[in-house]
Amino acid sequence: MPFSIVILVIGLLLGITTLIGIFGNFAVVLAVSWNKTLRTQLGLFLVNLAISDIGMSASCMPFAVATVLFHKEHIGETFCYFNGFINTLFSLASILTMCSFSVFQYVSIVLPFERMMTNFRCLLMILGVWIVSGFLATGPIMHWGRYEFTSNIFNCDYFHSNHKAEISYDITLMVAGYLLPLFVMIFSYTSIFAALHKHSSRMTRTTSSSSITSAGAAISAGTKLRVTVLLIFLTLLVCRTPFFVYLVFVVAQPSVSIDFLSQLSFWAIYLHSASNPFIFTFKHVEYQETLKEIYSTCRCAIVRHCCAVEEGLEDDTNNDRNKTPTDISKFPKQEK
């Protein structure tokens, strides 16, 4: 297929998504490492989500961009399986981290025991995310499922077949990569909203003139949480549902060509990885202030370095100007 404007536009869009995903998620990791007060249980989940999305952006999307621009029709089997492995690993790690994060919020808000969610249990949840993701990603390598390069989606996707191994693997991906996280998140956030509603009703009944401010703050926090959850579900449905529908077609109609849907499903997942920092992290005031502090510190350091270089150049220039000219009379005259 000749190089065309359509391919160029697709490559540019994927490239922009790649840069946003890399720099946005890297900013999350940098903010947590910069500010010690952000190194909390919440920060642990946000950093893990950022790492998985960085993996999607830095490892998967550049491959898709290069394949779009150079329009490769086939690649080696080893590299194809590697591409399929990292695609599946980081994609599952991202959505399972969001699922674990919803469970963390459910336990922290709904359940009455403040110490029930310990640091050790948070680490176990994060470890479980990577174990499950790694196990499912290595399925085709262990002959459970199969990766196959498809030039239409510029990536290695899941092989269309009537074999029981491929069908069972695709069904497992549907459950682990969409249905289970979706239902867990619906249960967690529904329970959180119910608890917040009860708390708001109780505060409204018992509010006196001296506690109106605290009640208003609680209601405002609940409103922000509702908006955040709405954004989480909207992006989840928009960016992950095409992949679920694609797997349904792969299982139900393996002989039917669904190139457009497969292309849309993978690119929607890439977009999801790029949008997660703006939904989960950048809305927090602490992260905004930390990023502003990092920017100010780096800017001041660059300005000081530039000033120091300019002062050094001026000193060298002044030293050259202050040097006395060489007296030619000191040299012996040549005899004629």
Protein backbone atom coordinates (compact mmCIF):
# COMPACT_ATOMS: atom_id res chain seq x y z
CA MET A 1 0.00 0.00 0.00
CA PRO A 2 1.56 3.37 -0.98
CA PHE A 3 2.30 6.00 1.57
CA SER A 4 -0.78 8.22 1.81
CA ILE A 5 -2.17 11.13 3.76
CA VAL A 6 -4.40 8.78 5.76
CA ILE A 7 -1.43 6.76 6.97
CA LEU A 8 0.44 9.96 7.85
CA VAL A 9 -2.51 11.28 9.87
CA ILE A 10 -2.89 7.96 11.71
CA GLY A 11 0.82 7.92 12.50
CA LEU A 12 0.75 11.51 13.78
CA LEU A 13 -2.30 10.86 15.98
CA LEU A 14 -0.70 7.76 17.47
CA GLY A 15 2.54 9.70 17.97
CA ILE A 16 0.74 12.51 19.82
CA THR A 17 -1.10 9.96 21.98
CA THR A 18 2.24 8.30 22.72
CA LEU A 19 3.86 11.55 23.88
CA ILE A 20 0.88 12.51 26.04
CA GLY A 21 0.82 9.06 27.62
CA ILE A 22 4.55 9.01 28.35
CA PHE A 23 4.93 12.54 29.73
CA GLY A 24 1.60 12.56 31.58
CA ASN A 25 2.20 9.30 33.41
CA PHE A 26 5.87 10.12 34.01
CA ALA A 27 4.76 13.36 35.68
CA VAL A 28 2.72 11.28 38.15
CA VAL A 29 5.72 9.14 39.10
CA LEU A 30 7.95 12.24 39.33
CA ALA A 31 5.47 14.06 41.59
CA VAL A 32 5.26 11.16 44.04
CA SER A 33 9.04 10.74 44.15
CA TRP A 34 9.49 14.51 44.61
CA ASN A 35 6.93 15.08 47.39
CA LYS A 36 7.14 12.71 50.36
CA THR A 37 3.63 13.59 51.52
CA LEU A 38 2.26 11.96 48.36
CA ARG A 39 3.83 8.60 49.21
CA THR A 40 0.62 7.19 50.64
CA GLN A 41 -1.54 4.18 49.86
CA LEU A 42 -3.40 6.30 47.32
CA GLY A 43 -0.09 7.31 45.76
CA LEU A 44 0.93 3.64 45.52
CA PHE A 45 -2.06 2.79 43.35
CA LEU A 46 -1.65 5.93 41.23
CA VAL A 47 2.04 5.20 40.63
CA ASN A 48 1.29 1.60 39.68
CA LEU A 49 -1.38 2.80 37.25
CA ALA A 50 1.09 5.30 35.80
CA ILE A 51 3.78 2.62 35.39
CA SER A 52 1.42 0.30 33.53
CA ASP A 53 0.30 3.16 31.28
CA ILE A 54 3.91 4.18 30.66
CA GLY A 55 4.51 0.60 29.58
CA MET A 56 1.63 0.85 27.12
CA SER A 57 2.87 4.19 25.79
CA ALA A 58 6.61 3.54 25.68
CA SER A 59 6.57 -0.12 24.59
CA CYS A 60 3.42 -0.66 22.56
CA MET A 61 2.40 2.57 20.85
CA PRO A 62 5.80 3.36 19.21
CA PHE A 63 5.68 -0.07 17.60
CA ALA A 64 2.22 0.70 16.23
CA VAL A 65 3.34 4.15 15.03
CA ALA A 66 6.39 2.71 13.24
CA THR A 67 4.27 -0.01 11.66
CA VAL A 68 1.76 2.57 10.43
CA LEU A 69 4.40 4.85 8.91
CA PHE A 70 6.43 2.06 7.28
CA HIS A 71 3.37 -0.14 6.64
CA LYS A 72 4.85 -3.50 7.50
CA GLU A 73 2.92 -6.44 6.09
CA HIS A 74 4.53 -9.05 8.34
CA ILE A 75 7.08 -9.37 11.15
CA GLY A 76 8.96 -12.21 12.78
CA GLU A 77 7.07 -14.61 15.02
CA THR A 78 9.33 -13.98 18.00
CA PHE A 79 8.92 -10.21 17.84
CA CYS A 80 5.19 -10.62 17.24
CA TYR A 81 4.81 -12.68 20.41
CA PHE A 82 6.87 -10.12 22.31
CA ASN A 83 4.62 -7.33 21.05
CA GLY A 84 1.49 -9.30 21.93
CA PHE A 85 2.90 -10.09 25.38
CA ILE A 86 3.62 -6.48 26.35
CA ASN A 87 0.31 -5.33 24.85
CA THR A 88 -1.62 -7.80 27.00
CA LEU A 89 0.55 -7.34 30.10
CA PHE A 90 0.31 -3.56 30.39
CA SER A 91 -3.29 -3.38 29.15
CA LEU A 92 -4.47 -5.85 31.81
CA ALA A 93 -2.26 -4.27 34.49
CA SER A 94 -3.83 -0.88 33.79
CA ILE A 95 -7.47 -1.93 34.06
CA LEU A 96 -6.84 -4.31 36.98
CA THR A 97 -5.09 -1.48 38.84
CA MET A 98 -8.17 0.68 38.35
CA CYS A 99 -10.26 -2.22 39.68
CA SER A 100 -7.98 -2.57 42.74
CA PHE A 101 -8.12 1.19 43.27
CA SER A 102 -11.93 1.07 43.42
CA VAL A 103 -11.71 -1.72 46.01
CA PHE A 104 -9.23 0.37 47.99
CA GLN A 105 -11.63 3.33 47.99
CA TYR A 106 -14.53 1.06 48.94
CA VAL A 107 -12.69 -0.33 51.94
CA SER A 108 -11.42 3.09 52.99
CA ILE A 109 -14.81 4.83 52.81
CA VAL A 110 -17.54 2.25 53.34
CA LEU A 111 -16.08 -0.19 55.84
CA PRO A 112 -15.83 1.14 59.41
CA PHE A 113 -12.36 -0.20 60.20
CA GLU A 114 -9.79 2.48 59.42
CA ARG A 115 -6.82 0.14 59.61
CA MET A 116 -8.34 -2.63 57.55
CA MET A 117 -6.49 -1.54 54.41
CA THR A 118 -2.87 -1.74 55.54
CA ASN A 119 0.23 -0.97 53.48
CA PHE A 120 1.02 -4.68 53.27
CA ARG A 121 -2.41 -5.49 51.86
CA CYS A 122 -2.09 -2.69 49.32
CA LEU A 123 1.22 -4.15 48.18
CA LEU A 124 -0.39 -7.59 47.92
CA MET A 125 -3.12 -6.15 45.72
CA ILE A 126 -0.55 -4.51 43.44
CA LEU A 127 1.47 -7.72 43.31
CA GLY A 128 -1.68 -9.68 42.45
CA VAL A 129 -2.36 -7.30 39.55
CA TRP A 130 1.00 -8.04 37.96
CA ILE A 131 0.83 -11.78 38.63
CA VAL A 132 -2.57 -12.11 36.94
CA SER A 133 -1.53 -9.85 34.06
CA GLY A 134 1.73 -11.72 33.53
CA PHE A 135 0.00 -15.11 33.67
CA LEU A 136 -2.57 -14.17 31.04
CA ALA A 137 0.02 -12.43 28.85
CA THR A 138 2.17 -15.58 28.73
CA GLY A 139 -0.82 -17.76 27.76
CA PRO A 140 -0.08 -17.79 23.99
CA ILE A 141 3.60 -18.42 24.70
CA MET A 142 2.54 -21.56 26.60
CA HIS A 143 0.24 -22.56 23.69
CA TRP A 144 -2.91 -21.29 25.39
CA GLY A 145 -4.16 -18.89 22.76
CA ARG A 146 -2.11 -17.40 19.96
CA TYR A 147 -0.79 -14.02 18.83
CA GLU A 148 -0.95 -13.08 15.17
CA PHE A 149 0.28 -9.95 13.38
CA THR A 150 -2.45 -7.98 11.61
CA SER A 151 -1.30 -5.16 9.35
CA ASN A 152 -4.71 -3.48 9.51
CA ILE A 153 -4.33 -2.76 13.24
CA PHE A 154 -0.53 -2.40 12.98
CA ASN A 155 -0.10 -4.76 15.92
CA CYS A 156 -0.21 -8.37 17.05
CA ASP A 157 -3.70 -9.33 18.19
CA TYR A 158 -5.42 -12.60 19.13
CA PHE A 159 -5.71 -15.36 16.57
CA HIS A 160 -9.16 -16.11 15.11
CA SER A 161 -9.77 -19.82 15.44
CA ASN A 162 -12.34 -22.46 16.34
CA HIS A 163 -9.87 -24.30 18.55
CA LYS A 164 -10.91 -24.67 22.17
CA ALA A 165 -7.59 -23.27 23.46
CA GLU A 166 -7.95 -20.00 21.54
CA ILE A 167 -11.64 -19.68 22.42
CA SER A 168 -11.10 -20.30 26.13
CA TYR A 169 -8.22 -17.81 26.15
CA ASP A 170 -10.32 -15.11 24.49
CA ILE A 171 -13.18 -15.71 26.92
CA THR A 172 -10.76 -15.42 29.85
CA LEU A 173 -9.51 -12.10 28.48
CA MET A 174 -13.10 -10.86 28.19
CA VAL A 175 -13.75 -11.69 31.83
CA ALA A 176 -10.42 -10.50 33.30
CA GLY A 177 -9.94 -7.51 31.04
CA TYR A 178 -13.46 -6.08 31.02
CA LEU A 179 -16.38 -7.84 32.75
CA LEU A 180 -14.80 -8.50 36.15
CA PRO A 181 -13.24 -5.01 36.56
CA LEU A 182 -16.44 -3.37 35.35
CA PHE A 183 -18.68 -5.20 37.82
CA VAL A 184 -16.25 -4.73 40.70
CA MET A 185 -16.01 -1.01 40.00
CA ILE A 186 -19.80 -0.70 39.71
CA PHE A 187 -20.25 -2.44 43.07
CA SER A 188 -17.51 -0.43 44.78
CA TYR A 189 -18.57 3.02 43.62
CA THR A 190 -22.28 2.29 44.07
CA SER A 191 -21.58 1.33 47.66
CA ILE A 192 -19.46 4.46 48.11
CA PHE A 193 -22.24 6.67 46.76
CA ALA A 194 -24.76 5.02 49.08
CA ALA A 195 -22.49 5.59 52.08
CA LEU A 196 -21.91 9.23 51.10
CA HIS A 197 -25.64 9.77 50.65
CA LYS A 198 -26.36 8.41 54.12
CA HIS A 199 -23.59 10.54 55.59
CA SER A 200 -24.87 13.69 53.83
CA SER A 201 -28.45 13.03 54.99
CA ARG A 202 -27.28 12.51 58.55
CA MET A 203 -25.24 15.72 58.49
CA THR A 204 -28.15 17.68 57.01
CA ARG A 205 -30.45 16.58 59.83
CA THR A 206 -27.94 17.28 62.57
CA THR A 207 -26.33 20.40 61.13
CA SER A 208 -26.36 23.45 63.35
CA SER A 209 -25.41 27.00 62.48
CA SER A 210 -21.87 26.41 63.73
CA SER A 211 -21.23 23.37 61.51
CA ILE A 212 -22.66 24.62 58.22
CA THR A 213 -19.15 25.09 56.80
CA SER A 214 -18.08 21.51 57.54
CA ALA A 215 -21.29 20.15 56.05
CA GLY A 216 -20.79 22.20 52.91
CA ALA A 217 -17.24 20.91 52.58
CA ALA A 218 -18.43 17.31 52.89
CA ILE A 219 -21.09 17.85 50.22
CA SER A 220 -18.53 19.49 47.93
CA ALA A 221 -16.15 16.54 48.36
CA GLY A 222 -18.96 14.14 47.54
CA THR A 223 -19.80 16.11 44.40
CA LYS A 224 -16.19 16.01 43.22
CA LEU A 225 -16.07 12.27 43.82
CA ARG A 226 -19.24 11.77 41.77
CA VAL A 227 -17.79 13.77 38.87
CA THR A 228 -14.56 11.77 39.02
CA VAL A 229 -16.38 8.44 39.07
CA LEU A 230 -18.54 9.56 36.15
CA LEU A 231 -15.40 10.35 34.14
CA ILE A 232 -13.87 7.00 35.12
CA PHE A 233 -16.86 5.05 33.87
CA LEU A 234 -17.29 7.11 30.70
CA THR A 235 -13.66 6.61 29.66
CA LEU A 236 -13.81 2.95 30.67
CA LEU A 237 -16.91 2.32 28.55
CA VAL A 238 -15.69 4.35 25.58
CA CYS A 239 -12.11 3.02 25.55
CA ARG A 240 -12.56 -0.59 26.72
CA THR A 241 -15.94 -1.64 25.31
CA PRO A 242 -14.65 -1.87 21.70
CA PHE A 243 -12.06 -4.42 22.84
CA PHE A 244 -14.75 -6.49 24.58
CA VAL A 245 -17.01 -6.38 21.51
CA TYR A 246 -14.02 -7.33 19.35
CA LEU A 247 -13.32 -10.42 21.49
CA VAL A 248 -17.00 -11.37 21.35
CA PHE A 249 -16.84 -11.36 17.56
CA VAL A 250 -13.57 -13.31 17.62
CA VAL A 251 -15.20 -16.04 19.70
CA ALA A 252 -18.62 -16.06 18.03
CA GLN A 253 -17.61 -15.47 14.40
CA PRO A 254 -13.91 -16.32 13.94
CA SER A 255 -14.26 -16.46 10.15
CA VAL A 256 -15.69 -12.93 9.84
CA SER A 257 -13.23 -10.11 9.08
CA ILE A 258 -13.58 -7.26 11.61
CA ASP A 259 -10.50 -5.19 10.80
CA PHE A 260 -12.05 -1.82 11.66
CA LEU A 261 -13.27 -3.01 15.07
CA SER A 262 -9.91 -4.59 15.93
CA GLN A 263 -8.15 -1.40 14.90
CA LEU A 264 -10.52 0.75 16.95
CA SER A 265 -10.25 -1.47 20.04
CA PHE A 266 -6.47 -1.30 20.31
CA TRP A 267 -6.23 2.41 19.64
CA ALA A 268 -8.96 3.10 22.19
CA ILE A 269 -6.89 1.28 24.83
CA TYR A 270 -3.90 3.47 23.93
CA LEU A 271 -6.07 6.55 24.37
CA HIS A 272 -7.22 5.22 27.75
CA SER A 273 -3.63 4.99 28.96
CA ALA A 274 -2.96 8.57 27.90
CA SER A 275 -6.10 9.94 29.63
CA ASN A 276 -5.72 8.17 32.99
CA PRO A 277 -3.34 10.75 34.57
CA PHE A 278 -5.81 13.55 33.89
CA ILE A 279 -8.71 11.60 35.41
CA PHE A 280 -7.10 10.02 38.47
CA THR A 281 -4.18 12.27 39.43
CA PHE A 282 -4.00 15.78 38.02
CA LYS A 283 -7.32 16.79 39.57
CA HIS A 284 -5.76 16.57 43.06
CA VAL A 285 -4.52 19.92 44.35
CA GLU A 286 -1.47 18.31 45.98
CA TYR A 287 -0.27 16.92 42.66
CA GLN A 288 -0.93 20.22 40.90
CA GLU A 289 1.11 22.14 43.47
CA THR A 290 3.92 19.57 43.36
CA LEU A 291 4.16 19.75 39.57
CA LYS A 292 4.21 23.55 39.75
CA GLU A 293 7.02 23.34 42.31
CA ILE A 294 8.97 20.96 40.09
CA TYR A 295 8.50 23.27 37.12
CA SER A 296 9.61 26.34 39.12
CA THR A 297 12.66 24.54 40.52
CA CYS A 298 13.75 23.26 37.11
CA ARG A 299 13.15 26.67 35.54
CA CYS A 300 15.22 28.45 38.21
CA ALA A 301 18.01 25.89 37.83
CA ILE A 302 18.08 26.40 34.05
CA VAL A 303 18.09 30.20 34.44
CA ARG A 304 20.93 30.06 36.98
CA HIS A 305 22.93 27.79 34.70
CA CYS A 306 22.42 30.08 31.71
CA CYS A 307 23.40 33.14 33.80
CA ALA A 308 26.51 31.37 35.05
CA VAL A 309 27.50 30.49 31.48
CA GLU A 310 26.95 34.10 30.34
CA GLU A 311 28.99 35.46 33.27
CA GLY A 312 31.78 33.04 32.43
CA LEU A 313 31.80 34.18 28.83
CA GLU A 314 31.85 37.86 29.89
CA ASP A 315 34.75 37.21 32.28
CA ASP A 316 36.72 35.53 29.52
CA THR A 317 36.02 38.45 27.18
CA ASN A 318 37.09 41.03 29.79
CA ASN A 319 40.29 39.10 30.53
CA ASP A 320 41.16 39.07 26.84
CA ARG A 321 40.56 42.83 26.61
CA ASN A 322 42.65 43.59 29.71
CA LYS A 323 45.71 41.77 28.42
CA THR A 324 48.61 44.18 27.58
CA PRO A 325 49.73 44.18 23.97
CA THR A 326 53.03 42.53 23.24
CA ASP A 327 55.98 44.94 23.08
CA ILE A 328 57.72 44.22 19.76
CA SER A 329 60.84 46.10 20.94
CA LYS A 330 61.70 43.21 23.20
CA PHE A 331 62.29 40.97 20.24
CA PRO A 332 65.76 41.15 18.74
CA LYS A 333 66.02 42.96 15.46
CA GLN A 334 67.02 40.92 12.47
CA GLU A 335 70.32 41.92 10.89
CA LYS A 336 70.17 43.11 7.38
